[in-house]
Each structure stands twice: as C-alpha cells, then as structure tokens.
N, C-alpha and C. Protein backbone atom coordinates (compact mmCIF):
# COMPACT_ATOMS: atom_id res chain seq x y z
N MET A 1 19.86 97.94 -98.14
CA MET A 1 19.74 99.04 -97.19
C MET A 1 18.30 99.21 -96.76
N ASN A 2 18.05 99.03 -95.41
CA ASN A 2 16.71 99.06 -94.87
C ASN A 2 16.26 100.48 -94.65
N ALA A 3 14.95 100.60 -94.36
CA ALA A 3 14.35 101.92 -94.17
C ALA A 3 14.88 102.64 -92.93
N SER A 4 15.20 101.87 -91.93
CA SER A 4 15.72 102.41 -90.66
C SER A 4 17.04 103.12 -90.86
N LEU A 5 17.92 102.48 -91.67
CA LEU A 5 19.24 103.04 -91.96
C LEU A 5 19.11 104.34 -92.77
N VAL A 6 18.24 104.34 -93.76
CA VAL A 6 18.02 105.52 -94.54
C VAL A 6 17.45 106.65 -93.74
N THR A 7 16.49 106.36 -92.84
CA THR A 7 15.92 107.40 -92.01
C THR A 7 16.98 108.01 -91.01
N THR A 8 17.75 107.16 -90.48
CA THR A 8 18.78 107.59 -89.54
C THR A 8 19.86 108.45 -90.25
N CYS A 9 20.29 108.08 -91.44
CA CYS A 9 21.23 108.80 -92.17
C CYS A 9 20.63 110.18 -92.58
N PHE A 10 19.37 110.19 -92.91
CA PHE A 10 18.71 111.46 -93.34
C PHE A 10 18.65 112.36 -92.10
N PHE A 11 18.32 111.84 -90.95
CA PHE A 11 18.24 112.69 -89.72
C PHE A 11 19.62 113.23 -89.36
N ILE A 12 20.67 112.39 -89.50
CA ILE A 12 22.00 112.94 -89.16
C ILE A 12 22.41 114.01 -90.13
N MET A 13 22.16 113.82 -91.43
CA MET A 13 22.47 114.91 -92.38
C MET A 13 21.67 116.13 -92.17
N LEU A 14 20.40 115.99 -91.84
CA LEU A 14 19.62 117.20 -91.60
C LEU A 14 20.05 117.94 -90.38
N ALA A 15 20.33 117.19 -89.25
CA ALA A 15 20.79 117.90 -88.01
C ALA A 15 22.12 118.52 -88.25
N ARG A 16 23.04 117.83 -88.93
CA ARG A 16 24.37 118.42 -89.09
C ARG A 16 24.32 119.60 -90.03
N SER A 17 23.51 119.57 -91.05
CA SER A 17 23.44 120.71 -91.95
C SER A 17 22.83 121.96 -91.25
N THR A 18 21.85 121.73 -90.38
CA THR A 18 21.20 122.82 -89.63
C THR A 18 22.26 123.34 -88.62
N ASP A 19 23.00 122.51 -88.00
CA ASP A 19 24.00 122.92 -87.02
C ASP A 19 25.09 123.76 -87.67
N VAL A 20 25.56 123.36 -88.84
CA VAL A 20 26.66 124.09 -89.53
C VAL A 20 26.14 125.38 -90.12
N SER A 21 24.90 125.42 -90.55
CA SER A 21 24.31 126.63 -91.08
C SER A 21 24.21 127.69 -89.94
N LEU A 22 23.80 127.23 -88.74
CA LEU A 22 23.75 128.16 -87.66
C LEU A 22 25.19 128.60 -87.23
N ASP A 23 26.10 127.73 -87.36
CA ASP A 23 27.49 128.10 -86.99
C ASP A 23 28.03 129.15 -87.90
N THR A 24 27.72 129.08 -89.23
CA THR A 24 28.10 130.12 -90.18
C THR A 24 27.47 131.42 -89.81
N LEU A 25 26.19 131.45 -89.49
CA LEU A 25 25.54 132.72 -89.08
C LEU A 25 26.09 133.23 -87.77
N ARG A 26 26.40 132.38 -86.89
CA ARG A 26 26.98 132.79 -85.59
C ARG A 26 28.38 133.43 -85.80
N THR A 27 29.15 132.87 -86.66
CA THR A 27 30.45 133.44 -86.97
C THR A 27 30.34 134.83 -87.56
N VAL A 28 29.42 134.97 -88.50
CA VAL A 28 29.21 136.30 -89.10
C VAL A 28 28.80 137.34 -88.06
N ALA A 29 27.88 136.85 -87.14
CA ALA A 29 27.40 137.76 -86.09
C ALA A 29 28.51 138.16 -85.16
N ILE A 30 29.46 137.26 -84.87
CA ILE A 30 30.56 137.60 -83.99
C ILE A 30 31.44 138.64 -84.65
N VAL A 31 31.76 138.41 -85.94
CA VAL A 31 32.56 139.44 -86.64
C VAL A 31 31.91 140.82 -86.64
N GLN A 32 30.62 140.83 -86.76
CA GLN A 32 29.88 142.09 -86.79
C GLN A 32 29.65 142.71 -85.42
N GLY A 33 30.01 141.92 -84.33
CA GLY A 33 29.81 142.47 -83.03
C GLY A 33 28.39 142.35 -82.44
N ARG A 34 27.61 141.51 -83.08
CA ARG A 34 26.19 141.31 -82.60
C ARG A 34 26.17 140.17 -81.60
N ARG A 35 26.46 140.56 -80.32
CA ARG A 35 26.78 139.55 -79.31
C ARG A 35 25.51 138.77 -78.91
N VAL A 36 24.41 139.41 -78.69
CA VAL A 36 23.19 138.76 -78.21
C VAL A 36 22.70 137.73 -79.23
N PHE A 37 22.67 138.18 -80.48
CA PHE A 37 22.25 137.23 -81.55
C PHE A 37 23.14 136.08 -81.69
N ALA A 38 24.48 136.31 -81.61
CA ALA A 38 25.46 135.25 -81.67
C ALA A 38 25.32 134.28 -80.52
N ALA A 39 25.04 134.75 -79.35
CA ALA A 39 24.88 133.89 -78.20
C ALA A 39 23.61 133.00 -78.34
N LEU A 40 22.53 133.55 -78.79
CA LEU A 40 21.27 132.80 -78.96
C LEU A 40 21.45 131.69 -80.06
N VAL A 41 22.07 132.11 -81.17
CA VAL A 41 22.31 131.13 -82.22
C VAL A 41 23.26 130.00 -81.73
N GLY A 42 24.27 130.38 -80.96
CA GLY A 42 25.18 129.41 -80.44
C GLY A 42 24.53 128.42 -79.49
N PHE A 43 23.53 128.86 -78.73
CA PHE A 43 22.81 127.98 -77.80
C PHE A 43 22.03 126.93 -78.61
N VAL A 44 21.31 127.38 -79.63
CA VAL A 44 20.54 126.43 -80.43
C VAL A 44 21.45 125.48 -81.24
N GLU A 45 22.59 126.03 -81.69
CA GLU A 45 23.57 125.23 -82.46
C GLU A 45 24.12 124.12 -81.62
N ALA A 46 24.45 124.46 -80.36
CA ALA A 46 25.02 123.42 -79.48
C ALA A 46 24.07 122.33 -79.19
N LEU A 47 22.81 122.63 -78.98
CA LEU A 47 21.77 121.61 -78.77
C LEU A 47 21.68 120.66 -79.95
N ILE A 48 21.59 121.22 -81.15
CA ILE A 48 21.50 120.38 -82.33
C ILE A 48 22.75 119.53 -82.52
N TYR A 49 23.87 120.13 -82.24
CA TYR A 49 25.16 119.37 -82.39
C TYR A 49 25.20 118.15 -81.48
N ILE A 50 24.80 118.35 -80.24
CA ILE A 50 24.84 117.24 -79.29
C ILE A 50 23.91 116.09 -79.79
N VAL A 51 22.73 116.43 -80.30
CA VAL A 51 21.82 115.43 -80.80
C VAL A 51 22.43 114.74 -81.98
N ALA A 52 23.00 115.49 -82.85
CA ALA A 52 23.57 114.89 -84.10
C ALA A 52 24.75 113.95 -83.79
N ILE A 53 25.67 114.43 -82.96
CA ILE A 53 26.83 113.60 -82.70
C ILE A 53 26.51 112.37 -81.86
N ALA A 54 25.45 112.50 -80.96
CA ALA A 54 25.02 111.34 -80.16
C ALA A 54 24.42 110.26 -81.09
N LYS A 55 23.64 110.73 -82.10
CA LYS A 55 23.03 109.81 -82.97
C LYS A 55 24.11 109.14 -83.85
N VAL A 56 25.12 109.80 -84.25
CA VAL A 56 26.17 109.18 -85.01
C VAL A 56 26.94 108.16 -84.24
N LEU A 57 27.30 108.50 -83.00
CA LEU A 57 28.09 107.56 -82.20
C LEU A 57 27.22 106.32 -81.82
N GLN A 58 25.94 106.57 -81.60
CA GLN A 58 25.08 105.47 -81.21
C GLN A 58 24.96 104.43 -82.38
N ASN A 59 24.96 104.90 -83.63
CA ASN A 59 24.84 104.01 -84.73
C ASN A 59 26.16 103.60 -85.40
N PHE A 60 27.21 104.37 -85.12
CA PHE A 60 28.47 104.14 -85.76
C PHE A 60 29.26 103.03 -85.12
N ILE A 61 29.29 103.08 -83.71
CA ILE A 61 30.04 102.17 -82.96
C ILE A 61 29.33 100.78 -82.91
N GLY A 62 29.98 99.79 -83.33
CA GLY A 62 29.44 98.45 -83.27
C GLY A 62 28.48 98.18 -84.44
N SER A 63 28.35 99.03 -85.35
CA SER A 63 27.42 98.78 -86.47
C SER A 63 28.14 98.00 -87.61
N ALA A 64 27.32 97.18 -88.25
CA ALA A 64 27.89 96.38 -89.38
C ALA A 64 28.08 97.23 -90.60
N HIS A 65 27.42 98.36 -90.69
CA HIS A 65 27.50 99.27 -91.84
C HIS A 65 27.77 100.67 -91.32
N PRO A 66 29.00 100.98 -90.87
CA PRO A 66 29.21 102.35 -90.33
C PRO A 66 29.48 103.43 -91.39
N VAL A 67 29.80 103.01 -92.60
CA VAL A 67 30.13 103.97 -93.66
C VAL A 67 28.97 104.90 -94.00
N PRO A 68 27.72 104.46 -94.17
CA PRO A 68 26.69 105.42 -94.51
C PRO A 68 26.46 106.50 -93.46
N TYR A 69 26.69 106.19 -92.19
CA TYR A 69 26.56 107.22 -91.16
C TYR A 69 27.64 108.29 -91.28
N ALA A 70 28.87 107.83 -91.55
CA ALA A 70 29.92 108.83 -91.76
C ALA A 70 29.68 109.70 -92.97
N ILE A 71 29.19 109.06 -94.07
CA ILE A 71 28.91 109.80 -95.30
C ILE A 71 27.75 110.84 -95.02
N ALA A 72 26.76 110.44 -94.29
CA ALA A 72 25.65 111.33 -93.96
C ALA A 72 26.15 112.51 -93.13
N TYR A 73 27.03 112.25 -92.17
CA TYR A 73 27.57 113.32 -91.29
C TYR A 73 28.40 114.31 -92.17
N ALA A 74 29.25 113.79 -93.04
CA ALA A 74 30.06 114.64 -93.90
C ALA A 74 29.23 115.43 -94.88
N ALA A 75 28.21 114.80 -95.43
CA ALA A 75 27.31 115.45 -96.38
C ALA A 75 26.54 116.58 -95.71
N GLY A 76 26.12 116.31 -94.50
CA GLY A 76 25.42 117.40 -93.73
C GLY A 76 26.33 118.57 -93.45
N PHE A 77 27.58 118.34 -93.17
CA PHE A 77 28.53 119.38 -92.94
C PHE A 77 28.71 120.23 -94.17
N ALA A 78 28.93 119.58 -95.33
CA ALA A 78 29.07 120.29 -96.60
C ALA A 78 27.84 121.09 -96.96
N LEU A 79 26.65 120.44 -96.82
CA LEU A 79 25.38 121.14 -97.17
C LEU A 79 25.16 122.30 -96.24
N GLY A 80 25.49 122.16 -94.92
CA GLY A 80 25.29 123.22 -93.97
C GLY A 80 26.21 124.43 -94.27
N THR A 81 27.41 124.16 -94.76
CA THR A 81 28.31 125.29 -95.10
C THR A 81 27.64 126.07 -96.28
N PHE A 82 27.27 125.35 -97.28
CA PHE A 82 26.66 126.00 -98.44
C PHE A 82 25.37 126.77 -98.09
N LEU A 83 24.49 126.17 -97.33
CA LEU A 83 23.26 126.81 -96.92
C LEU A 83 23.51 127.99 -96.04
N GLY A 84 24.50 127.88 -95.10
CA GLY A 84 24.81 128.97 -94.23
C GLY A 84 25.25 130.24 -94.96
N ILE A 85 26.12 130.06 -95.96
CA ILE A 85 26.56 131.23 -96.76
C ILE A 85 25.39 131.79 -97.56
N MET A 86 24.58 130.95 -98.05
CA MET A 86 23.46 131.43 -98.88
C MET A 86 22.43 132.19 -98.00
N ILE A 87 22.12 131.67 -96.82
CA ILE A 87 21.21 132.29 -95.88
C ILE A 87 21.74 133.69 -95.44
N ASP A 88 23.08 133.70 -95.12
CA ASP A 88 23.70 134.96 -94.73
C ASP A 88 23.59 136.02 -95.82
N GLY A 89 23.78 135.57 -97.06
CA GLY A 89 23.67 136.48 -98.20
C GLY A 89 22.29 137.03 -98.35
N ARG A 90 21.29 136.18 -98.07
CA ARG A 90 19.88 136.65 -98.13
C ARG A 90 19.51 137.57 -97.03
N LEU A 91 19.90 137.22 -95.81
CA LEU A 91 19.59 138.12 -94.66
C LEU A 91 20.35 139.42 -94.73
N ALA A 92 21.62 139.40 -95.04
CA ALA A 92 22.44 140.58 -95.27
C ALA A 92 22.35 141.55 -94.13
N PHE A 93 22.69 141.06 -92.91
CA PHE A 93 22.69 141.94 -91.74
C PHE A 93 23.93 142.84 -91.82
N GLY A 94 23.85 143.97 -91.15
CA GLY A 94 25.00 144.84 -90.98
C GLY A 94 25.21 145.86 -92.11
N GLU A 95 26.26 146.66 -91.95
CA GLU A 95 26.66 147.70 -92.86
C GLU A 95 27.94 147.38 -93.55
N GLN A 96 28.12 147.95 -94.72
CA GLN A 96 29.40 147.80 -95.43
C GLN A 96 29.83 149.12 -96.00
N LEU A 97 31.13 149.29 -96.09
CA LEU A 97 31.69 150.58 -96.65
C LEU A 97 32.26 150.23 -98.03
N VAL A 98 31.73 150.92 -99.02
CA VAL A 98 32.18 150.74 -100.44
C VAL A 98 33.09 151.83 -100.78
N ALA A 99 34.32 151.50 -101.21
CA ALA A 99 35.29 152.47 -101.69
C ALA A 99 35.38 152.36 -103.24
N ILE A 100 35.07 153.46 -103.87
CA ILE A 100 35.07 153.42 -105.34
C ILE A 100 36.18 154.36 -105.88
N LEU A 101 37.03 153.85 -106.74
CA LEU A 101 38.09 154.64 -107.39
C LEU A 101 37.70 154.92 -108.79
N SER A 102 37.61 156.16 -109.17
CA SER A 102 37.16 156.47 -110.52
C SER A 102 37.90 157.74 -111.05
N HIS A 103 38.10 157.72 -112.38
CA HIS A 103 38.69 158.88 -113.09
C HIS A 103 37.59 159.84 -113.47
N GLN A 104 36.35 159.47 -113.23
CA GLN A 104 35.19 160.33 -113.51
C GLN A 104 34.45 160.66 -112.20
N GLY A 105 35.25 161.04 -111.23
CA GLY A 105 34.72 161.21 -109.89
C GLY A 105 33.60 162.22 -109.78
N GLU A 106 33.76 163.39 -110.41
CA GLU A 106 32.76 164.44 -110.29
C GLU A 106 31.43 164.03 -110.85
N GLN A 107 31.45 163.36 -111.97
CA GLN A 107 30.23 162.86 -112.60
C GLN A 107 29.58 161.79 -111.75
N LEU A 108 30.37 160.86 -111.22
CA LEU A 108 29.90 159.73 -110.42
C LEU A 108 29.29 160.24 -109.11
N VAL A 109 29.96 161.20 -108.51
CA VAL A 109 29.45 161.74 -107.26
C VAL A 109 28.09 162.42 -107.44
N THR A 110 27.97 163.17 -108.52
CA THR A 110 26.69 163.83 -108.85
C THR A 110 25.54 162.82 -109.00
N ILE A 111 25.88 161.71 -109.72
CA ILE A 111 24.87 160.71 -109.92
C ILE A 111 24.42 160.05 -108.69
N LEU A 112 25.39 159.62 -107.85
CA LEU A 112 25.10 158.89 -106.63
C LEU A 112 24.41 159.74 -105.63
N ARG A 113 24.85 161.00 -105.45
CA ARG A 113 24.17 161.88 -104.48
C ARG A 113 22.79 162.24 -104.97
N GLY A 114 22.59 162.29 -106.28
CA GLY A 114 21.28 162.54 -106.80
C GLY A 114 20.30 161.46 -106.54
N GLU A 115 20.82 160.21 -106.31
CA GLU A 115 19.96 159.04 -105.96
C GLU A 115 19.88 158.84 -104.46
N GLY A 116 20.42 159.71 -103.67
CA GLY A 116 20.26 159.64 -102.19
C GLY A 116 21.37 159.06 -101.43
N TYR A 117 22.47 158.62 -102.10
CA TYR A 117 23.65 158.06 -101.37
C TYR A 117 24.46 159.19 -100.78
N GLN A 118 24.99 158.90 -99.54
CA GLN A 118 25.85 159.92 -98.87
C GLN A 118 27.28 159.52 -99.24
N VAL A 119 27.92 160.39 -100.00
CA VAL A 119 29.24 160.12 -100.58
C VAL A 119 30.28 161.05 -99.98
N THR A 120 31.41 160.50 -99.53
CA THR A 120 32.56 161.25 -99.10
C THR A 120 33.60 161.11 -100.18
N GLU A 121 34.07 162.26 -100.69
CA GLU A 121 34.99 162.28 -101.86
C GLU A 121 36.41 162.72 -101.40
N LEU A 122 37.39 161.96 -101.81
CA LEU A 122 38.80 162.30 -101.59
C LEU A 122 39.54 162.33 -102.93
N ASN A 123 40.61 163.10 -102.98
CA ASN A 123 41.39 163.10 -104.20
C ASN A 123 42.62 162.26 -104.00
N GLY A 124 42.95 161.37 -105.00
CA GLY A 124 44.11 160.53 -104.98
C GLY A 124 44.87 160.60 -106.26
N ARG A 125 45.92 159.83 -106.31
CA ARG A 125 46.73 159.75 -107.50
C ARG A 125 47.16 158.31 -107.72
N SER A 126 47.00 157.80 -108.89
CA SER A 126 47.36 156.45 -109.26
C SER A 126 48.36 156.51 -110.38
N ARG A 127 48.77 155.37 -110.90
CA ARG A 127 49.74 155.29 -111.96
C ARG A 127 49.18 155.93 -113.24
N GLY A 128 47.83 155.90 -113.36
CA GLY A 128 47.20 156.49 -114.54
C GLY A 128 46.88 157.95 -114.42
N GLY A 129 47.18 158.57 -113.26
CA GLY A 129 46.86 159.99 -113.08
C GLY A 129 46.00 160.21 -111.88
N ASP A 130 45.36 161.37 -111.85
CA ASP A 130 44.46 161.74 -110.73
C ASP A 130 43.24 160.78 -110.71
N VAL A 131 42.84 160.48 -109.45
CA VAL A 131 41.66 159.60 -109.33
C VAL A 131 40.84 160.05 -108.12
N ALA A 132 39.60 159.90 -108.20
CA ALA A 132 38.67 160.24 -107.10
C ALA A 132 38.40 159.00 -106.28
N VAL A 133 38.50 159.10 -104.97
CA VAL A 133 38.20 158.02 -104.05
C VAL A 133 36.90 158.36 -103.31
N LEU A 134 35.88 157.54 -103.56
CA LEU A 134 34.54 157.77 -102.98
C LEU A 134 34.28 156.71 -101.90
N TYR A 135 33.88 157.21 -100.75
CA TYR A 135 33.51 156.27 -99.65
C TYR A 135 32.02 156.39 -99.42
N ILE A 136 31.29 155.28 -99.40
CA ILE A 136 29.89 155.22 -99.17
C ILE A 136 29.55 154.07 -98.25
N GLU A 137 28.92 154.38 -97.11
CA GLU A 137 28.48 153.37 -96.19
C GLU A 137 27.01 153.10 -96.41
N VAL A 138 26.69 151.84 -96.65
CA VAL A 138 25.33 151.43 -96.97
C VAL A 138 25.03 150.08 -96.28
N PRO A 139 23.74 149.75 -96.11
CA PRO A 139 23.39 148.39 -95.63
C PRO A 139 23.90 147.37 -96.64
N ARG A 140 24.21 146.17 -96.11
CA ARG A 140 24.73 145.13 -97.02
C ARG A 140 23.79 144.80 -98.19
N ARG A 141 22.50 144.83 -97.93
CA ARG A 141 21.55 144.47 -98.99
C ARG A 141 21.48 145.49 -100.05
N GLN A 142 22.06 146.66 -99.86
CA GLN A 142 22.08 147.71 -100.93
C GLN A 142 23.37 147.80 -101.64
N VAL A 143 24.38 146.98 -101.25
CA VAL A 143 25.70 147.04 -101.87
C VAL A 143 25.65 146.68 -103.34
N LYS A 144 24.96 145.60 -103.69
CA LYS A 144 24.94 145.17 -105.07
C LYS A 144 24.31 146.22 -105.96
N ALA A 145 23.22 146.84 -105.54
CA ALA A 145 22.58 147.90 -106.35
C ALA A 145 23.53 149.08 -106.50
N LEU A 146 24.24 149.39 -105.46
CA LEU A 146 25.22 150.53 -105.54
C LEU A 146 26.33 150.26 -106.56
N THR A 147 26.90 149.04 -106.46
CA THR A 147 28.00 148.75 -107.38
C THR A 147 27.57 148.65 -108.83
N ILE A 148 26.34 148.11 -109.07
CA ILE A 148 25.79 148.10 -110.43
C ILE A 148 25.63 149.48 -110.94
N ARG A 149 25.11 150.37 -110.09
CA ARG A 149 24.86 151.81 -110.52
C ARG A 149 26.20 152.45 -110.82
N ALA A 150 27.21 152.22 -109.99
CA ALA A 150 28.51 152.81 -110.21
C ALA A 150 29.15 152.34 -111.51
N LEU A 151 29.06 151.05 -111.78
CA LEU A 151 29.65 150.49 -113.01
C LEU A 151 28.90 150.99 -114.25
N ALA A 152 27.59 151.26 -114.09
CA ALA A 152 26.82 151.77 -115.24
C ALA A 152 27.25 153.19 -115.57
N ALA A 153 27.57 153.95 -114.51
CA ALA A 153 28.02 155.34 -114.75
C ALA A 153 29.47 155.38 -115.21
N ASP A 154 30.32 154.51 -114.66
CA ASP A 154 31.73 154.49 -115.03
C ASP A 154 32.16 153.04 -115.15
N PRO A 155 32.13 152.42 -116.30
CA PRO A 155 32.45 151.00 -116.44
C PRO A 155 33.95 150.67 -116.05
N GLU A 156 34.78 151.72 -115.97
CA GLU A 156 36.18 151.49 -115.71
C GLU A 156 36.53 151.74 -114.21
N CYS A 157 35.48 152.02 -113.43
CA CYS A 157 35.77 152.29 -111.99
C CYS A 157 36.14 150.99 -111.29
N PHE A 158 36.79 151.17 -110.15
CA PHE A 158 37.25 150.00 -109.35
C PHE A 158 36.74 150.19 -107.94
N TYR A 159 36.12 149.14 -107.38
CA TYR A 159 35.57 149.31 -106.03
C TYR A 159 36.05 148.16 -105.14
N VAL A 160 36.08 148.46 -103.84
CA VAL A 160 36.47 147.55 -102.75
C VAL A 160 35.39 147.67 -101.67
N ILE A 161 34.99 146.49 -101.15
CA ILE A 161 33.91 146.48 -100.17
C ILE A 161 34.50 146.05 -98.80
N HIS A 162 34.27 146.82 -97.74
CA HIS A 162 34.75 146.51 -96.40
C HIS A 162 33.57 146.30 -95.53
N ASP A 163 33.64 145.30 -94.61
CA ASP A 163 32.66 145.10 -93.58
C ASP A 163 32.87 146.13 -92.47
N VAL A 164 31.76 146.71 -92.00
CA VAL A 164 31.76 147.71 -90.94
C VAL A 164 31.40 147.00 -89.58
N ARG A 165 32.38 146.97 -88.69
CA ARG A 165 32.08 146.35 -87.37
C ARG A 165 31.40 147.39 -86.45
N ALA A 166 31.83 148.64 -86.45
CA ALA A 166 31.19 149.70 -85.70
C ALA A 166 31.49 151.02 -86.37
N SER A 167 30.64 151.97 -86.12
CA SER A 167 30.84 153.31 -86.66
C SER A 167 30.22 154.34 -85.67
N SER A 168 30.65 155.62 -85.84
CA SER A 168 30.14 156.64 -84.94
C SER A 168 28.66 156.85 -85.18
N ALA A 169 27.90 156.93 -84.04
CA ALA A 169 26.46 157.18 -84.19
C ALA A 169 26.15 158.50 -84.82
N ALA A 170 26.98 159.45 -84.55
CA ALA A 170 26.75 160.82 -85.14
C ALA A 170 27.00 160.84 -86.61
N ARG A 171 27.70 159.85 -87.14
CA ARG A 171 27.98 159.78 -88.57
C ARG A 171 27.10 158.79 -89.29
N ARG A 172 26.17 158.18 -88.58
CA ARG A 172 25.30 157.13 -89.23
C ARG A 172 24.24 157.89 -89.98
N LEU A 173 24.28 157.77 -91.33
CA LEU A 173 23.47 158.56 -92.18
C LEU A 173 22.30 157.73 -92.74
N ALA A 174 21.27 158.41 -93.22
CA ALA A 174 20.17 157.71 -93.94
C ALA A 174 20.64 157.33 -95.28
N HIS A 175 20.41 156.11 -95.69
CA HIS A 175 20.94 155.64 -97.03
C HIS A 175 19.88 155.46 -98.07
N SER A 176 18.61 155.50 -97.65
CA SER A 176 17.60 155.26 -98.63
C SER A 176 17.40 156.48 -99.52
N PRO A 177 17.39 156.26 -100.84
CA PRO A 177 17.29 157.40 -101.82
C PRO A 177 16.06 158.18 -101.54
N GLY A 178 16.24 159.52 -101.59
CA GLY A 178 15.13 160.44 -101.40
C GLY A 178 14.99 160.92 -100.00
N GLN A 179 15.68 160.35 -99.01
CA GLN A 179 15.59 160.81 -97.60
C GLN A 179 16.67 161.81 -97.31
N GLY A 180 16.54 162.44 -96.16
CA GLY A 180 17.48 163.48 -95.73
C GLY A 180 18.84 162.90 -95.40
N SER A 181 19.77 163.80 -95.17
CA SER A 181 21.15 163.37 -94.97
C SER A 181 21.31 162.79 -93.61
N TRP A 182 20.69 163.38 -92.57
CA TRP A 182 20.95 162.92 -91.22
C TRP A 182 19.68 162.23 -90.66
N ALA A 183 19.97 161.23 -89.82
CA ALA A 183 18.85 160.54 -89.15
C ALA A 183 18.15 161.55 -88.29
N PRO A 184 16.77 161.49 -88.22
CA PRO A 184 15.97 162.49 -87.46
C PRO A 184 16.46 162.75 -86.06
N GLU A 185 16.83 161.61 -85.29
CA GLU A 185 17.19 161.81 -83.96
C GLU A 185 18.48 162.45 -83.74
N LEU A 186 19.34 162.59 -84.86
CA LEU A 186 20.63 163.18 -84.76
C LEU A 186 20.73 164.53 -85.49
N ALA A 187 19.66 164.96 -85.99
CA ALA A 187 19.67 166.14 -86.83
C ALA A 187 20.14 167.41 -86.08
N ASP A 188 19.75 167.54 -84.79
CA ASP A 188 20.04 168.72 -84.02
C ASP A 188 21.14 168.45 -82.94
N ARG A 189 21.80 167.34 -83.06
CA ARG A 189 22.88 167.06 -82.10
C ARG A 189 24.10 167.88 -82.38
N GLU A 190 24.66 168.50 -81.29
CA GLU A 190 25.89 169.25 -81.43
C GLU A 190 27.06 168.31 -81.42
N LEU A 191 27.87 168.38 -82.42
CA LEU A 191 28.99 167.46 -82.55
C LEU A 191 30.20 168.05 -81.86
N PRO A 192 31.07 167.19 -81.29
CA PRO A 192 32.27 167.66 -80.59
C PRO A 192 33.29 168.19 -81.57
N ASP A 193 34.20 169.05 -81.05
CA ASP A 193 35.24 169.57 -81.87
C ASP A 193 36.26 168.48 -82.16
N CYS A 194 36.45 168.09 -83.36
CA CYS A 194 37.30 166.92 -83.70
C CYS A 194 38.65 167.40 -84.31
N ARG A 195 38.91 168.71 -84.18
CA ARG A 195 40.14 169.21 -84.86
C ARG A 195 41.35 168.80 -84.01
N GLN A 196 41.20 168.43 -82.72
CA GLN A 196 42.27 167.98 -81.89
C GLN A 196 42.02 166.53 -81.47
N PRO A 197 43.04 165.71 -81.35
CA PRO A 197 42.83 164.35 -80.84
C PRO A 197 42.17 164.34 -79.51
N ALA A 198 41.41 163.29 -79.17
CA ALA A 198 40.68 163.21 -77.92
C ALA A 198 41.65 163.25 -76.75
N ALA A 199 42.76 162.62 -76.86
CA ALA A 199 43.72 162.58 -75.73
C ALA A 199 44.24 163.98 -75.45
N ASN A 200 44.49 164.77 -76.48
CA ASN A 200 44.97 166.13 -76.27
C ASN A 200 43.95 166.98 -75.55
N ARG A 201 42.67 166.81 -75.99
CA ARG A 201 41.61 167.59 -75.38
C ARG A 201 41.46 167.25 -73.87
N ARG A 202 41.59 165.96 -73.51
CA ARG A 202 41.49 165.56 -72.15
C ARG A 202 42.61 166.09 -71.32
N SER A 203 43.86 165.97 -71.85
CA SER A 203 45.04 166.43 -71.11
C SER A 203 45.02 167.98 -70.88
N ARG A 204 44.54 168.68 -71.94
CA ARG A 204 44.45 170.10 -71.84
C ARG A 204 43.42 170.54 -70.83
N ALA A 205 42.31 169.80 -70.74
CA ALA A 205 41.27 170.19 -69.80
C ALA A 205 41.65 169.93 -68.40
N ARG A 206 42.61 168.96 -68.17
CA ARG A 206 43.03 168.57 -66.75
C ARG A 206 44.31 169.29 -66.32
N SER A 207 44.93 170.02 -67.20
CA SER A 207 46.22 170.60 -66.86
C SER A 207 46.07 171.68 -65.83
N PRO A 208 47.05 171.86 -64.93
CA PRO A 208 46.97 172.89 -63.87
C PRO A 208 46.87 174.31 -64.51
N LEU A 209 47.56 174.52 -65.64
CA LEU A 209 47.56 175.84 -66.30
C LEU A 209 46.11 176.23 -66.71
N ALA A 210 45.42 175.18 -67.31
CA ALA A 210 44.02 175.45 -67.71
C ALA A 210 43.16 175.75 -66.52
N ILE A 211 43.42 175.05 -65.39
CA ILE A 211 42.56 175.29 -64.18
C ILE A 211 42.82 176.66 -63.64
N SER A 212 44.10 177.04 -63.51
CA SER A 212 44.43 178.34 -62.93
C SER A 212 43.95 179.52 -63.76
N SER A 213 44.02 179.31 -65.12
CA SER A 213 43.58 180.42 -65.99
C SER A 213 42.11 180.55 -65.90
N SER A 214 41.35 179.44 -65.64
CA SER A 214 39.96 179.60 -65.57
C SER A 214 39.49 180.33 -64.32
N LYS A 215 40.38 180.24 -63.25
CA LYS A 215 40.04 181.01 -62.00
C LYS A 215 40.30 182.51 -62.24
C-alpha cells in the first residue's frame, strides 16, 4: 500500500466524517426550528459532500484496489455520526422541559425553587398513590445538573425530558440560580386574559351583538 493510497483514504474519511458531523448538527437544528443555522450548516455540508464523493468516484472506478476507498468512506460515515452526537451534546443548544414525578413533591419543590429553578407543580395520582408532577424548563446544558439535584433530594423520583421546539415569550423565565423569576424585558408586560380560548375571544369581539352593545 503506497503513500498516495493512504493519503487519499485519509482525506476521504476526514471529509466524510466532517460532512456527517455537520449533517447531525443540521438535523438537530431543524428539529429545534433554528432555520438560519440549519441552512448555513447545510450549505457547508453540501460542499464537503461533493468533494468527498467526487474523490471516491475518481479513485474507485477503474482502480485496481477499490476496497480501501470504500472502507475509508464507510469509516468516515461512522466516525462522523459519533462525532456529531458528541459535538451536539457539548454545544447543547436549545431548551428542554423536565417533568419530575415524586412522592416528596413539597420537599423537592422547596429545594429546587431555593436554588433558582422555576417550578410548576401539579397534583397527580399513580398506582402507588398521590404524586407531584413538576415541570421545569431549562437550557439543555443545565438538564444534567437538575436531574442530579432532583435524584439527590429524592432518589425514588422519576423524570422525563422533552425537547422544546418553541415556547411563549411571556413565559420564558430566567433559569440561572439566584436570578429573578421574570426576564427583565418582560417584567412589566401585561399578559392577555387566557381564561377563554383565543378563538372564542376573537369571535366574541367580532360578533354583531358585541358591536351594537358597545354603541
């Protein structure tokens, strides 16, 4: 195996691993609704893919030793998948909603709120009796610390993590411990009356009876 073959295989594997890593990040960005970022990553990914596939076809067709090129291409794909997941975990873009079920809800709420987390508490019932359902929206990079803290307070608690694609701006809270409940720019915002569905409020406002009574 000569140096040219080794160099070409290394280039193919490097290009393909980079391409697949970007594809993984682009897929995550699409799921999260980050359109501009996904489009930019997709542009770079397509350029690298064209270069990689052209290099494979150039050396694969008519080559006396095509197998190393195929192996390099497949190895780059596998490596890119692994690296893409690892990079996404490190970057941790976006928000996640953590739902915690606990039989020690009151104690757990007190601990989490004391550390600055914004907790919404609901009462539920399971096969084992009454249970508290706690909802906490936090940045992805803070989820691990939150779950560790919850398990330390209640080792028998059960949690589920949901990805947040979008949420109401008026409900976007500060999550860093020690900060206030509301974001500064939303502190004085008057919230709409949510006791009626939006469709009912619109139909009521447009009804002839409402118009005539206002006159």
